[in-house]
PDB file of N, CA and C in Angstrom:
ATOM      1  N   UNK A   1     117.225  87.808  96.728  1.00  0.00           N
ATOM      2  CA  UNK A   1     116.387  87.882  95.568  1.00  0.00           C
ATOM      3  C   UNK A   1     114.958  88.225  96.023  1.00  0.00           C
ATOM      4  N   UNK A   2     114.293  89.207  95.367  1.00  0.00           N
ATOM      5  CA  UNK A   2     112.937  89.571  95.779  1.00  0.00           C
ATOM      6  C   UNK A   2     111.955  88.429  95.514  1.00  0.00           C
ATOM      7  N   UNK A   3     111.023  88.281  96.446  1.00  0.00           N
ATOM      8  CA  UNK A   3     110.031  87.228  96.245  1.00  0.00           C
ATOM      9  C   UNK A   3     108.929  87.733  95.319  1.00  0.00           C
ATOM     10  N   UNK A   4     108.392  86.857  94.553  1.00  0.00           N
ATOM     11  CA  UNK A   4     107.320  87.198  93.621  1.00  0.00           C
ATOM     12  C   UNK A   4     106.012  86.722  94.237  1.00  0.00           C
ATOM     13  N   UNK A   5     105.052  87.632  94.292  1.00  0.00           N
ATOM     14  CA  UNK A   5     103.755  87.291  94.864  1.00  0.00           C
ATOM     15  C   UNK A   5     102.928  86.527  93.842  1.00  0.00           C
ATOM     16  N   UNK A   6     102.210  85.558  94.339  1.00  0.00           N
ATOM     17  CA  UNK A   6     101.316  84.853  93.421  1.00  0.00           C
ATOM     18  C   UNK A   6      99.998  85.619  93.311  1.00  0.00           C
ATOM     19  N   UNK A   7      99.139  85.174  92.436  1.00  0.00           N
ATOM     20  CA  UNK A   7      97.887  85.877  92.155  1.00  0.00           C
ATOM     21  C   UNK A   7      97.014  86.019  93.398  1.00  0.00           C
ATOM     22  N   UNK A   8      96.927  84.995  94.199  1.00  0.00           N
ATOM     23  CA  UNK A   8      96.102  85.040  95.408  1.00  0.00           C
ATOM     24  C   UNK A   8      96.646  86.053  96.416  1.00  0.00           C
ATOM     25  N   UNK A   9      97.956  86.119  96.578  1.00  0.00           N
ATOM     26  CA  UNK A   9      98.566  87.080  97.500  1.00  0.00           C
ATOM     27  C   UNK A   9      98.327  88.507  97.019  1.00  0.00           C
ATOM     28  N   UNK A  10      98.441  88.714  95.730  1.00  0.00           N
ATOM     29  CA  UNK A  10      98.169  90.048  95.169  1.00  0.00           C
ATOM     30  C   UNK A  10      96.715  90.420  95.412  1.00  0.00           C
ATOM     31  N   UNK A  11      95.810  89.490  95.136  1.00  0.00           N
ATOM     32  CA  UNK A  11      94.386  89.730  95.346  1.00  0.00           C
ATOM     33  C   UNK A  11      94.110  90.093  96.803  1.00  0.00           C
ATOM     34  N   UNK A  12      94.663  89.328  97.736  1.00  0.00           N
ATOM     35  CA  UNK A  12      94.443  89.590  99.160  1.00  0.00           C
ATOM     36  C   UNK A  12      95.013  90.943  99.583  1.00  0.00           C
ATOM     37  N   UNK A  13      96.167  91.289  99.068  1.00  0.00           N
ATOM     38  CA  UNK A  13      96.772  92.583  99.394  1.00  0.00           C
ATOM     39  C   UNK A  13      95.904  93.737  98.875  1.00  0.00           C
ATOM     40  N   UNK A  14      95.441  93.620  97.642  1.00  0.00           N
ATOM     41  CA  UNK A  14      94.574  94.654  97.060  1.00  0.00           C
ATOM     42  C   UNK A  14      93.265  94.735  97.838  1.00  0.00           C
ATOM     43  N   UNK A  15      92.722  93.595  98.208  1.00  0.00           N
ATOM     44  CA  UNK A  15      91.478  93.549  98.977  1.00  0.00           C
ATOM     45  C   UNK A  15      91.642  94.253 100.320  1.00  0.00           C
ATOM     46  N   UNK A  16      92.691  93.927 101.059  1.00  0.00           N
ATOM     47  CA  UNK A  16      92.938  94.546 102.369  1.00  0.00           C
ATOM     48  C   UNK A  16      93.139  96.052 102.240  1.00  0.00           C
ATOM     49  N   UNK A  17      93.901  96.469 101.254  1.00  0.00           N
ATOM     50  CA  UNK A  17      94.144  97.897 101.027  1.00  0.00           C
ATOM     51  C   UNK A  17      92.844  98.608 100.662  1.00  0.00           C
ATOM     52  N   UNK A  18      92.029  97.972  99.834  1.00  0.00           N
ATOM     53  CA  UNK A  18      90.748  98.556  99.430  1.00  0.00           C
ATOM     54  C   UNK A  18      89.820  98.722 100.621  1.00  0.00           C
ATOM     55  N   UNK A  19      89.782  97.727 101.487  1.00  0.00           N
ATOM     56  CA  UNK A  19      88.930  97.794 102.676  1.00  0.00           C
ATOM     57  C   UNK A  19      89.365  98.941 103.581  1.00  0.00           C
ATOM     58  N   UNK A  20      90.648  99.093 103.782  1.00  0.00           N
ATOM     59  CA  UNK A  20      91.171 100.182 104.617  1.00  0.00           C
ATOM     60  C   UNK A  20      90.801 101.536 104.011  1.00  0.00           C
ATOM     61  N   UNK A  21      91.028 101.693 102.711  1.00  0.00           N
ATOM     62  CA  UNK A  21      90.714 102.965 102.037  1.00  0.00           C
ATOM     63  C   UNK A  21      89.222 103.257 102.085  1.00  0.00           C
ATOM     64  N   UNK A  22      88.408 102.247 101.808  1.00  0.00           N
ATOM     65  CA  UNK A  22      86.960 102.427 101.818  1.00  0.00           C
ATOM     66  C   UNK A  22      86.468 102.801 103.214  1.00  0.00           C
ATOM     67  N   UNK A  23      86.996 102.160 104.236  1.00  0.00           N
ATOM     68  CA  UNK A  23      86.596 102.469 105.615  1.00  0.00           C
ATOM     69  C   UNK A  23      86.923 103.914 105.975  1.00  0.00           C
ATOM     70  N   UNK A  24      88.091 104.369 105.575  1.00  0.00           N
ATOM     71  CA  UNK A  24      88.471 105.761 105.842  1.00  0.00           C
ATOM     72  C   UNK A  24      87.555 106.727 105.100  1.00  0.00           C
ATOM     73  N   UNK A  25      87.247 106.409 103.854  1.00  0.00           N
ATOM     74  CA  UNK A  25      86.358 107.253 103.058  1.00  0.00           C
ATOM     75  C   UNK A  25      84.973 107.332 103.683  1.00  0.00           C
ATOM     76  N   UNK A  26      84.442 106.199 104.118  1.00  0.00           N
ATOM     77  CA  UNK A  26      83.125 106.165 104.753  1.00  0.00           C
ATOM     78  C   UNK A  26      83.116 107.037 106.001  1.00  0.00           C
ATOM     79  N   UNK A  27      84.138 106.958 106.820  1.00  0.00           N
ATOM     80  CA  UNK A  27      84.208 107.766 108.037  1.00  0.00           C
ATOM     81  C   UNK A  27      84.245 109.257 107.710  1.00  0.00           C
ATOM     82  N   UNK A  28      85.031 109.625 106.713  1.00  0.00           N
ATOM     83  CA  UNK A  28      85.108 111.036 106.322  1.00  0.00           C
ATOM     84  C   UNK A  28      83.776 111.525 105.774  1.00  0.00           C
ATOM     85  N   UNK A  29      83.129 110.727 104.946  1.00  0.00           N
ATOM     86  CA  UNK A  29      81.826 111.107 104.407  1.00  0.00           C
ATOM     87  C   UNK A  29      80.782 111.199 105.509  1.00  0.00           C
ATOM     88  N   UNK A  30      80.811 110.251 106.431  1.00  0.00           N
ATOM     89  CA  UNK A  30      79.861 110.256 107.539  1.00  0.00           C
ATOM     90  C   UNK A  30      80.016 111.531 108.358  1.00  0.00           C
ATOM     91  N   UNK A  31      81.240 111.878 108.701  1.00  0.00           N
ATOM     92  CA  UNK A  31      81.490 113.099 109.469  1.00  0.00           C
ATOM     93  C   UNK A  31      80.999 114.328 108.717  1.00  0.00           C
ATOM     94  N   UNK A  32      81.245 114.368 107.417  1.00  0.00           N
ATOM     95  CA  UNK A  32      80.822 115.499 106.595  1.00  0.00           C
ATOM     96  C   UNK A  32      79.300 115.591 106.530  1.00  0.00           C
ATOM     97  N   UNK A  33      78.634 114.465 106.337  1.00  0.00           N
ATOM     98  CA  UNK A  33      77.172 114.455 106.273  1.00  0.00           C
ATOM     99  C   UNK A  33      76.557 114.866 107.602  1.00  0.00           C
ATOM    100  N   UNK A  34      77.111 114.379 108.691  1.00  0.00           N
ATOM    101  CA  UNK A  34      76.605 114.751 110.015  1.00  0.00           C
ATOM    102  C   UNK A  34      76.752 116.253 110.225  1.00  0.00           C
ATOM    103  N   UNK A  35      77.897 116.807 109.863  1.00  0.00           N
ATOM    104  CA  UNK A  35      78.125 118.243 110.025  1.00  0.00           C
ATOM    105  C   UNK A  35      77.139 119.044 109.177  1.00  0.00           C
ATOM    106  N   UNK A  36      76.945 118.636 107.929  1.00  0.00           N
ATOM    107  CA  UNK A  36      76.002 119.340 107.058  1.00  0.00           C
ATOM    108  C   UNK A  36      74.586 119.246 107.595  1.00  0.00           C
ATOM    109  N   UNK A  37      74.193 118.082 108.095  1.00  0.00           N
ATOM    110  CA  UNK A  37      72.850 117.911 108.625  1.00  0.00           C
ATOM    111  C   UNK A  37      72.648 118.750 109.877  1.00  0.00           C
ATOM    112  N   UNK A  38      73.657 118.792 110.743  1.00  0.00           N
ATOM    113  CA  UNK A  38      73.545 119.582 111.966  1.00  0.00           C
ATOM    114  C   UNK A  38      73.454 121.069 111.654  1.00  0.00           C
ATOM    115  N   UNK A  39      74.112 121.503 110.576  1.00  0.00           N
ATOM    116  CA  UNK A  39      74.070 122.907 110.188  1.00  0.00           C
ATOM    117  C   UNK A  39      72.769 123.273 109.482  1.00  0.00           C
ATOM    118  N   UNK A  40      72.039 122.294 109.006  1.00  0.00           N
ATOM    119  CA  UNK A  40      70.839 122.531 108.215  1.00  0.00           C
ATOM    120  C   UNK A  40      69.674 122.930 109.107  1.00  0.00           C
ATOM    121  N   UNK A  41      69.009 123.995 108.728  1.00  0.00           N
ATOM    122  CA  UNK A  41      67.821 124.433 109.448  1.00  0.00           C
ATOM    123  C   UNK A  41      66.616 123.728 108.851  1.00  0.00           C
ATOM    124  N   UNK A  42      65.864 123.022 109.689  1.00  0.00           N
ATOM    125  CA  UNK A  42      64.671 122.317 109.240  1.00  0.00           C
ATOM    126  C   UNK A  42      63.443 123.136 109.606  1.00  0.00           C
ATOM    127  N   UNK A  43      62.616 123.428 108.606  1.00  0.00           N
ATOM    128  CA  UNK A  43      61.449 124.282 108.798  1.00  0.00           C
ATOM    129  C   UNK A  43      60.169 123.460 108.805  1.00  0.00           C
ATOM    130  N   UNK A  44      59.216 123.890 109.626  1.00  0.00           N
ATOM    131  CA  UNK A  44      57.877 123.301 109.562  1.00  0.00           C
ATOM    132  C   UNK A  44      57.190 123.873 108.320  1.00  0.00           C
ATOM    133  N   UNK A  45      56.052 123.313 107.949  1.00  0.00           N
ATOM    134  CA  UNK A  45      55.314 123.821 106.783  1.00  0.00           C
ATOM    135  C   UNK A  45      54.924 125.288 107.003  1.00  0.00           C
ATOM    136  N   UNK A  46      54.507 125.611 108.214  1.00  0.00           N
ATOM    137  CA  UNK A  46      54.114 126.995 108.515  1.00  0.00           C
ATOM    138  C   UNK A  46      55.295 127.946 108.359  1.00  0.00           C
ATOM    139  N   UNK A  47      56.450 127.562 108.922  1.00  0.00           N
ATOM    140  CA  UNK A  47      57.657 128.394 108.806  1.00  0.00           C
ATOM    141  C   UNK A  47      58.087 128.528 107.348  1.00  0.00           C
ATOM    142  N   UNK A  48      58.003 127.436 106.613  1.00  0.00           N
ATOM    143  CA  UNK A  48      58.363 127.447 105.197  1.00  0.00           C
ATOM    144  C   UNK A  48      57.488 128.431 104.426  1.00  0.00           C
ATOM    145  N   UNK A  49      56.185 128.395 104.681  1.00  0.00           N
ATOM    146  CA  UNK A  49      55.251 129.299 103.997  1.00  0.00           C
ATOM    147  C   UNK A  49      55.531 130.758 104.349  1.00  0.00           C
ATOM    148  N   UNK A  50      55.781 131.026 105.606  1.00  0.00           N
ATOM    149  CA  UNK A  50      56.012 132.402 106.052  1.00  0.00           C
ATOM    150  C   UNK A  50      57.359 132.944 105.599  1.00  0.00           C
ATOM    151  N   UNK A  51      58.413 132.164 105.781  1.00  0.00           N
ATOM    152  CA  UNK A  51      59.771 132.684 105.594  1.00  0.00           C
ATOM    153  C   UNK A  51      60.324 132.540 104.184  1.00  0.00           C
ATOM    154  N   UNK A  52      59.961 131.488 103.481  1.00  0.00           N
ATOM    155  CA  UNK A  52      60.569 131.211 102.181  1.00  0.00           C
ATOM    156  C   UNK A  52      59.575 131.408 101.039  1.00  0.00           C
ATOM    157  N   UNK A  53      58.454 130.706 101.106  1.00  0.00           N
ATOM    158  CA  UNK A  53      57.513 130.717  99.984  1.00  0.00           C
ATOM    159  C   UNK A  53      56.641 131.966  99.940  1.00  0.00           C
ATOM    160  N   UNK A  54      56.419 132.575 101.099  1.00  0.00           N
ATOM    161  CA  UNK A  54      55.601 133.797 101.189  1.00  0.00           C
ATOM    162  C   UNK A  54      54.209 133.568 100.597  1.00  0.00           C
ATOM    163  N   UNK A  55      53.582 132.478 101.044  1.00  0.00           N
ATOM    164  CA  UNK A  55      52.242 132.161 100.556  1.00  0.00           C
ATOM    165  C   UNK A  55      51.487 131.398 101.639  1.00  0.00           C
ATOM    166  N   UNK A  56      50.206 131.157 101.386  1.00  0.00           N
ATOM    167  CA  UNK A  56      49.394 130.396 102.336  1.00  0.00           C
ATOM    168  C   UNK A  56      49.755 128.914 102.261  1.00  0.00           C
ATOM    169  N   UNK A  57      49.341 128.166 103.266  1.00  0.00           N
ATOM    170  CA  UNK A  57      49.586 126.720 103.287  1.00  0.00           C
ATOM    171  C   UNK A  57      48.875 126.050 102.121  1.00  0.00           C
ATOM    172  N   UNK A  58      47.653 126.501 101.802  1.00  0.00           N
ATOM    173  CA  UNK A  58      46.916 125.907 100.676  1.00  0.00           C
ATOM    174  C   UNK A  58      47.658 126.105  99.358  1.00  0.00           C
ATOM    175  N   UNK A  59      48.189 127.302  99.146  1.00  0.00           N
ATOM    176  CA  UNK A  59      48.954 127.582  97.926  1.00  0.00           C
ATOM    177  C   UNK A  59      50.231 126.749  97.900  1.00  0.00           C
ATOM    178  N   UNK A  60      50.892 126.649  99.042  1.00  0.00           N
ATOM    179  CA  UNK A  60      52.118 125.844  99.124  1.00  0.00           C
ATOM    180  C   UNK A  60      51.824 124.380  98.805  1.00  0.00           C
ATOM    181  N   UNK A  61      50.728 123.855  99.358  1.00  0.00           N
ATOM    182  CA  UNK A  61      50.345 122.467  99.063  1.00  0.00           C
ATOM    183  C   UNK A  61      50.112 122.279  97.566  1.00  0.00           C
ATOM    184  N   UNK A  62      49.399 123.210  96.974  1.00  0.00           N
ATOM    185  CA  UNK A  62      49.020 123.094  95.559  1.00  0.00           C
ATOM    186  C   UNK A  62      50.222 123.155  94.621  1.00  0.00           C
ATOM    187  N   UNK A  63      51.147 124.074  94.873  1.00  0.00           N
ATOM    188  CA  UNK A  63      52.231 124.319  93.916  1.00  0.00           C
ATOM    189  C   UNK A  63      53.596 123.756  94.319  1.00  0.00           C
ATOM    190  N   UNK A  64      53.784 123.456  95.583  1.00  0.00           N
ATOM    191  CA  UNK A  64      55.114 123.041  96.034  1.00  0.00           C
ATOM    192  C   UNK A  64      55.118 121.716  96.800  1.00  0.00           C
ATOM    193  N   UNK A  65      54.449 121.691  97.927  1.00  0.00           N
ATOM    194  CA  UNK A  65      54.614 120.601  98.889  1.00  0.00           C
ATOM    195  C   UNK A  65      54.147 119.242  98.379  1.00  0.00           C
ATOM    196  N   UNK A  66      53.224 119.218  97.437  1.00  0.00           N
ATOM    197  CA  UNK A  66      52.765 117.945  96.874  1.00  0.00           C
ATOM    198  C   UNK A  66      53.553 117.532  95.641  1.00  0.00           C
ATOM    199  N   UNK A  67      54.550 118.326  95.269  1.00  0.00           N
ATOM    200  CA  UNK A  67      55.422 117.990  94.148  1.00  0.00           C
ATOM    201  C   UNK A  67      56.395 116.905  94.620  1.00  0.00           C
ATOM    202  N   UNK A  68      56.473 115.820  93.877  1.00  0.00           N
ATOM    203  CA  UNK A  68      57.307 114.679  94.288  1.00  0.00           C
ATOM    204  C   UNK A  68      58.782 115.039  94.446  1.00  0.00           C
ATOM    205  N   UNK A  69      59.245 116.065  93.736  1.00  0.00           N
ATOM    206  CA  UNK A  69      60.667 116.421  93.811  1.00  0.00           C
ATOM    207  C   UNK A  69      60.975 117.472  94.880  1.00  0.00           C
ATOM    208  N   UNK A  70      59.949 117.973  95.560  1.00  0.00           N
ATOM    209  CA  UNK A  70      60.176 119.003  96.582  1.00  0.00           C
ATOM    210  C   UNK A  70      60.840 118.362  97.804  1.00  0.00           C
ATOM    211  N   UNK A  71      61.954 118.938  98.291  1.00  0.00           N
ATOM    212  CA  UNK A  71      62.728 118.293  99.365  1.00  0.00           C
ATOM    213  C   UNK A  71      62.056 118.373 100.739  1.00  0.00           C
ATOM    214  N   UNK A  72      62.056 117.241 101.431  1.00  0.00           N
ATOM    215  CA  UNK A  72      61.560 117.200 102.806  1.00  0.00           C
ATOM    216  C   UNK A  72      62.208 116.039 103.534  1.00  0.00           C
ATOM    217  N   UNK A  73      62.112 116.097 104.856  1.00  0.00           N
ATOM    218  CA  UNK A  73      62.571 115.012 105.721  1.00  0.00           C
ATOM    219  C   UNK A  73      61.391 114.632 106.599  1.00  0.00           C
ATOM    220  N   UNK A  74      61.076 113.355 106.638  1.00  0.00           N
ATOM    221  CA  UNK A  74      59.972 112.879 107.468  1.00  0.00           C
ATOM    222  C   UNK A  74      60.471 112.685 108.892  1.00  0.00           C
ATOM    223  N   UNK A  75      59.831 113.353 109.850  1.00  0.00           N
ATOM    224  CA  UNK A  75      60.157 113.184 111.270  1.00  0.00           C
ATOM    225  C   UNK A  75      58.883 112.758 111.988  1.00  0.00           C
ATOM    226  N   UNK A  76      58.738 111.458 112.175  1.00  0.00           N
ATOM    227  CA  UNK A  76      57.499 110.945 112.758  1.00  0.00           C
ATOM    228  C   UNK A  76      56.353 111.190 111.793  1.00  0.00           C
ATOM    229  N   UNK A  77      55.302 111.860 112.280  1.00  0.00           N
ATOM    230  CA  UNK A  77      54.156 112.184 111.431  1.00  0.00           C
ATOM    231  C   UNK A  77      54.315 113.521 110.718  1.00  0.00           C
ATOM    232  N   UNK A  78      55.377 114.222 111.006  1.00  0.00           N
ATOM    233  CA  UNK A  78      55.593 115.569 110.468  1.00  0.00           C
ATOM    234  C   UNK A  78      56.633 115.575 109.363  1.00  0.00           C
ATOM    235  N   UNK A  79      56.446 116.469 108.424  1.00  0.00           N
ATOM    236  CA  UNK A  79      57.469 116.727 107.417  1.00  0.00           C
ATOM    237  C   UNK A  79      58.219 117.989 107.825  1.00  0.00           C
ATOM    238  N   UNK A  80      59.530 117.947 107.665  1.00  0.00           N
ATOM    239  CA  UNK A  80      60.374 119.124 107.875  1.00  0.00           C
ATOM    240  C   UNK A  80      61.069 119.406 106.557  1.00  0.00           C
ATOM    241  N   UNK A  81      61.291 120.685 106.305  1.00  0.00           N
ATOM    242  CA  UNK A  81      61.831 121.122 105.027  1.00  0.00           C
ATOM    243  C   UNK A  81      63.205 121.753 105.238  1.00  0.00           C
ATOM    244  N   UNK A  82      64.263 121.125 104.710  1.00  0.00           N
ATOM    245  CA  UNK A  82      65.616 121.673 104.859  1.00  0.00           C
ATOM    246  C   UNK A  82      65.732 122.986 104.084  1.00  0.00           C
ATOM    247  N   UNK A  83      66.011 124.057 104.792  1.00  0.00           N
ATOM    248  CA  UNK A  83      66.016 125.399 104.205  1.00  0.00           C
ATOM    249  C   UNK A  83      66.918 125.491 102.978  1.00  0.00           C
ATOM    250  N   UNK A  84      68.159 125.028 103.087  1.00  0.00           N
ATOM    251  CA  UNK A  84      69.097 125.130 101.958  1.00  0.00           C
ATOM    252  C   UNK A  84      68.616 124.323 100.757  1.00  0.00           C
ATOM    253  N   UNK A  85      68.105 123.127 101.010  1.00  0.00           N
ATOM    254  CA  UNK A  85      67.628 122.273  99.912  1.00  0.00           C
ATOM    255  C   UNK A  85      66.413 122.892  99.233  1.00  0.00           C
ATOM    256  N   UNK A  86      65.533 123.509 100.017  1.00  0.00           N
ATOM    257  CA  UNK A  86      64.357 124.174  99.447  1.00  0.00           C
ATOM    258  C   UNK A  86      64.786 125.355  98.580  1.00  0.00           C
ATOM    259  N   UNK A  87      65.708 126.160  99.085  1.00  0.00           N
ATOM    260  CA  UNK A  87      66.191 127.307  98.302  1.00  0.00           C
ATOM    261  C   UNK A  87      66.837 126.846  96.996  1.00  0.00           C
ATOM    262  N   UNK A  88      67.586 125.767  97.060  1.00  0.00           N
ATOM    263  CA  UNK A  88      68.212 125.218  95.851  1.00  0.00           C
ATOM    264  C   UNK A  88      67.141 124.706  94.887  1.00  0.00           C
ATOM    265  N   UNK A  89      66.126 124.019  95.412  1.00  0.00           N
ATOM    266  CA  UNK A  89      65.043 123.498  94.582  1.00  0.00           C
ATOM    267  C   UNK A  89      64.318 124.642  93.875  1.00  0.00           C
ATOM    268  N   UNK A  90      64.037 125.704  94.608  1.00  0.00           N
ATOM    269  CA  UNK A  90      63.351 126.859  94.018  1.00  0.00           C
ATOM    270  C   UNK A  90      64.194 127.446  92.894  1.00  0.00           C
ATOM    271  N   UNK A  91      65.485 127.603  93.140  1.00  0.00           N
ATOM    272  CA  UNK A  91      66.381 128.152  92.115  1.00  0.00           C
ATOM    273  C   UNK A  91      66.396 127.266  90.868  1.00  0.00           C
ATOM    274  N   UNK A  92      66.485 125.969  91.063  1.00  0.00           N
ATOM    275  CA  UNK A  92      66.564 125.037  89.935  1.00  0.00           C
ATOM    276  C   UNK A  92      65.239 124.877  89.196  1.00  0.00           C
ATOM    277  N   UNK A  93      64.130 125.143  89.876  1.00  0.00           N
ATOM    278  CA  UNK A  93      62.814 124.921  89.274  1.00  0.00           C
ATOM    279  C   UNK A  93      62.074 126.202  88.922  1.00  0.00           C
ATOM    280  N   UNK A  94      62.729 127.338  89.086  1.00  0.00           N
ATOM    281  CA  UNK A  94      62.110 128.613  88.721  1.00  0.00           C
ATOM    282  C   UNK A  94      62.244 128.829  87.222  1.00  0.00           C
ATOM    283  N   UNK A  95      61.225 129.423  86.654  1.00  0.00           N
ATOM    284  CA  UNK A  95      61.285 129.755  85.230  1.00  0.00           C
ATOM    285  C   UNK A  95      62.240 130.915  85.035  1.00  0.00           C
ATOM    286  N   UNK A  96      63.118 130.759  84.082  1.00  0.00           N
ATOM    287  CA  UNK A  96      64.067 131.832  83.755  1.00  0.00           C
ATOM    288  C   UNK A  96      63.419 132.736  82.717  1.00  0.00           C
ATOM    289  N   UNK A  97      63.574 134.033  82.905  1.00  0.00           N
ATOM    290  CA  UNK A  97      62.991 134.987  81.940  1.00  0.00           C
ATOM    291  C   UNK A  97      64.041 135.513  81.024  1.00  0.00           C
TER     292      UNK A  97
END
């Protein structure tokens, strides 16, 4: 005759299964994030102005870099700008004609 699990046994089984699934998901996400970050080109403000924004640093500060939603990564005292994230931000924040 099959044994019937009580509520505590069911809870423990679900808990253990959830922990295993969550751990696997975290590892997969971590690997994916690391790969995406390693593939991401980080630009200095000067490189960003020359290659993407095509403007002076003063203009970039005024219209882009001081905008709270503009993407950057802080590395010590320096800000670096993820190229893909900046391009996406420009696309999403450009006025459509």
